[in-house]
C-alpha atoms as a PDB file:
ATOM      1  CA  MET A   1      18.483  -3.499  -5.375  1.00  0.00           C
ATOM      2  CA  THR A   2      16.696  -5.926  -7.698  1.00  0.00           C
ATOM      3  CA  ASN A   3      13.043  -5.660  -8.668  1.00  0.00           C
ATOM      4  CA  TYR A   4      12.373  -8.718  -6.510  1.00  0.00           C
ATOM      5  CA  ASP A   5      13.939  -6.968  -3.505  1.00  0.00           C
ATOM      6  CA  LYS A   6      11.880  -3.848  -4.174  1.00  0.00           C
ATOM      7  CA  ARG A   7       8.683  -5.891  -4.371  1.00  0.00           C
ATOM      8  CA  GLN A   8       9.573  -7.625  -1.121  1.00  0.00           C
ATOM      9  CA  GLU A   9      10.174  -4.290   0.600  1.00  0.00           C
ATOM     10  CA  ILE A  10       6.862  -2.867  -0.645  1.00  0.00           C
ATOM     11  CA  ASP A  11       5.021  -6.022   0.423  1.00  0.00           C
ATOM     12  CA  GLY A  12       6.632  -5.885   3.862  1.00  0.00           C
ATOM     13  CA  LYS A  13       5.717  -2.257   4.404  1.00  0.00           C
ATOM     14  CA  VAL A  14       2.111  -2.702   3.273  1.00  0.00           C
ATOM     15  CA  THR A  15       1.772  -5.810   5.439  1.00  0.00           C
ATOM     16  CA  ALA A  16       3.146  -3.891   8.429  1.00  0.00           C
ATOM     17  CA  LEU A  17       0.664  -1.065   7.798  1.00  0.00           C
ATOM     18  CA  VAL A  18      -2.306  -3.452   7.590  1.00  0.00           C
ATOM     19  CA  ARG A  19      -1.152  -5.285  10.715  1.00  0.00           C
ATOM     20  CA  ALA A  20      -0.625  -2.098  12.739  1.00  0.00           C
ATOM     21  CA  ARG A  21      -3.666  -0.081  11.679  1.00  0.00           C
ATOM     22  CA  PHE A  22      -6.213  -2.718  10.758  1.00  0.00           C
ATOM     23  CA  GLY A  23      -5.319  -5.759  12.872  1.00  0.00           C
ATOM     24  CA  ARG A  24      -4.418  -7.747   9.734  1.00  0.00           C
ATOM     25  CA  ASP A  25      -7.885  -7.142   8.283  1.00  0.00           C
ATOM     26  CA  TYR A  26      -7.189  -6.540   4.597  1.00  0.00           C
ATOM     27  CA  ARG A  27     -10.883  -5.938   3.874  1.00  0.00           C
ATOM     28  CA  ALA A  28     -10.943  -3.071   6.368  1.00  0.00           C
ATOM     29  CA  ALA A  29      -7.758  -1.670   4.862  1.00  0.00           C
ATOM     30  CA  PHE A  30      -9.217  -1.906   1.361  1.00  0.00           C
ATOM     31  CA  ALA A  31     -12.392  -0.166   2.483  1.00  0.00           C
ATOM     32  CA  ARG A  32     -10.330   2.622   4.059  1.00  0.00           C
ATOM     33  CA  TYR A  33      -8.311   3.273   0.901  1.00  0.00           C
ATOM     34  CA  ASP A  34     -11.221   2.823  -1.551  1.00  0.00           C
ATOM     35  CA  ALA A  35     -12.463   6.275  -0.564  1.00  0.00           C
ATOM     36  CA  ASP A  36     -14.932   6.608  -3.442  1.00  0.00           C
ATOM     37  CA  GLU A  37     -16.243   3.053  -2.849  1.00  0.00           C
ATOM     38  CA  SER A  38     -15.697   2.165  -6.507  1.00  0.00           C
ATOM     39  CA  GLY A  39     -14.465  -1.329  -5.711  1.00  0.00           C
ATOM     40  CA  ALA A  40     -11.004  -0.459  -6.980  1.00  0.00           C
ATOM     41  CA  ILE A  41      -8.077   1.511  -5.621  1.00  0.00           C
ATOM     42  CA  GLU A  42      -7.605   4.536  -7.871  1.00  0.00           C
ATOM     43  CA  LYS A  43      -4.233   6.236  -8.407  1.00  0.00           C
ATOM     44  CA  SER A  44      -4.925   9.000  -5.880  1.00  0.00           C
ATOM     45  CA  GLU A  45      -6.062   6.423  -3.307  1.00  0.00           C
ATOM     46  CA  LEU A  46      -2.977   4.321  -3.972  1.00  0.00           C
ATOM     47  CA  ASN A  47      -0.805   7.369  -3.345  1.00  0.00           C
ATOM     48  CA  VAL A  48      -2.393   7.735   0.113  1.00  0.00           C
ATOM     49  CA  LEU A  49      -1.792   4.045   0.853  1.00  0.00           C
ATOM     50  CA  LEU A  50       1.842   4.264  -0.241  1.00  0.00           C
ATOM     51  CA  SER A  51       2.373   7.390   1.826  1.00  0.00           C
ATOM     52  CA  ASP A  52       0.796   5.797   4.899  1.00  0.00           C
ATOM     53  CA  ALA A  53       3.044   2.753   4.421  1.00  0.00           C
ATOM     54  CA  GLU A  54       6.052   5.103   4.131  1.00  0.00           C
ATOM     55  CA  ILE A  55       6.821   3.961   0.602  1.00  0.00           C
ATOM     56  CA  GLY A  56       8.434   6.742  -1.380  1.00  0.00           C
ATOM     57  CA  SER A  57       8.531   7.323  -5.115  1.00  0.00           C
ATOM     58  CA  ALA A  58      12.165   6.197  -5.337  1.00  0.00           C
ATOM     59  CA  LEU A  59      11.060   2.700  -4.373  1.00  0.00           C
ATOM     60  CA  THR A  60       8.121   2.562  -6.799  1.00  0.00           C
ATOM     61  CA  ARG A  61       9.594   4.486  -9.746  1.00  0.00           C
ATOM     62  CA  TRP A  62      10.705   1.235 -11.460  1.00  0.00           C
ATOM     63  CA  ALA A  63       7.194  -0.222 -11.419  1.00  0.00           C
END
């Protein structure tokens, strides 16, 4: 699988998560995962997002 394919898969899974849980509202999704309201998604918050989107470490290890 190429890096492009991996990026496409990650994008698809995150898009599906935002569509299913937040009605395509990316601002609501961002607010949910920016738990400390810092205005940025920290590593621990990103891990929650990736887990919720069912993206495992094997898919993101290359990044």
